[in-house]
Protein backbone atom coordinates (compact mmCIF):
# COMPACT_ATOMS: atom_id res chain seq x y z
CA MET A 1 168.03 68.07 -36.94
CA ASP A 2 164.38 68.63 -36.08
CA LYS A 3 163.37 65.59 -38.17
CA VAL A 4 165.78 63.35 -36.22
CA ASN A 5 164.43 64.65 -32.89
CA GLU A 6 160.87 64.11 -34.12
CA VAL A 7 161.60 60.51 -35.16
CA PHE A 8 163.44 59.66 -31.95
CA GLY A 9 160.79 61.30 -29.80
CA LYS A 10 158.35 58.73 -31.16
CA ILE A 11 160.59 55.67 -31.01
CA ASP A 12 161.89 56.48 -27.53
CA GLY A 13 158.30 56.11 -26.35
CA TRP A 14 157.83 52.82 -28.23
CA LEU A 15 161.10 51.11 -27.46
CA GLY A 16 162.90 52.71 -24.58
CA PRO A 17 165.62 52.17 -23.61
CA LYS A 18 164.62 52.35 -19.98
CA LYS A 19 166.23 55.53 -18.71
CA GLY A 20 167.01 53.99 -15.32
CA LYS A 21 169.07 51.24 -16.92
CA TYR A 22 170.72 52.99 -19.88
CA GLN A 23 172.06 56.47 -20.34
CA GLU A 24 170.35 58.54 -23.01
CA ALA A 25 172.39 58.58 -26.20
CA CYS A 26 173.64 61.92 -27.43
CA PHE A 27 172.24 63.50 -30.57
CA GLU A 28 175.11 62.33 -32.81
CA ASP A 29 174.63 58.73 -31.70
CA LYS A 30 170.90 58.93 -32.44
CA GLU A 31 171.62 60.35 -35.88
CA MET A 32 174.10 57.53 -36.60
CA LEU A 33 171.54 54.91 -35.51
CA LEU A 34 168.84 56.49 -37.66
CA GLU A 35 171.11 56.47 -40.70
CA CYS A 36 172.22 52.89 -39.99
CA VAL A 37 168.66 51.56 -39.75
CA MET A 38 167.44 53.49 -42.78
CA SER A 39 170.31 52.12 -44.91
CA SER A 40 169.96 48.55 -43.57
CA ALA A 41 168.80 45.55 -45.59
CA CYS A 42 165.79 45.24 -43.26
CA PHE A 43 164.58 48.77 -44.02
CA ARG A 44 165.13 48.35 -47.75
CA LYS A 45 163.03 45.17 -47.66
CA HIS A 46 160.25 46.09 -45.20
CA GLU A 47 160.32 49.92 -45.13
CA ASN A 48 159.13 49.72 -41.52
CA PHE A 49 161.41 51.61 -39.12
CA LYS A 50 159.82 50.29 -35.92
CA TYR A 51 160.08 46.67 -37.10
CA CYS A 52 163.71 47.13 -38.14
CA MET A 53 164.58 48.70 -34.75
CA THR A 54 163.08 45.80 -32.80
CA GLU A 55 162.78 42.52 -34.69
CA GLY A 56 164.99 42.97 -37.72
CA ILE A 57 167.83 45.08 -36.37
CA ASP A 58 171.19 44.44 -38.04
CA LYS A 59 174.08 43.70 -35.70
CA GLU A 60 175.91 46.80 -36.95
CA CYS A 61 172.96 48.96 -35.91
CA LYS A 62 172.33 47.05 -32.70
CA ALA A 63 175.66 48.23 -31.30
CA LEU A 64 174.56 51.84 -31.86
CA ARG A 65 171.20 51.38 -30.11
CA TYR A 66 172.56 51.71 -26.57
CA ASP A 67 175.23 53.95 -25.11
CA HIS A 68 177.13 51.97 -22.49
CA THR A 69 179.81 54.54 -21.68
């Protein structure tokens, strides 16, 4: 769990989402997004998490990126 928090602490600063616009996702959602991106075709090809979260995000993972509830 600490590794997931460490990773998301960094990417939250890089990418957002803007806290005023989107609710912060719960821990389980963050873990699902992390697993989705790390098992995506983009990550297997580029091995660059930041790139795959922004430019190369798969549509399956994109749905997990924001919590709209």
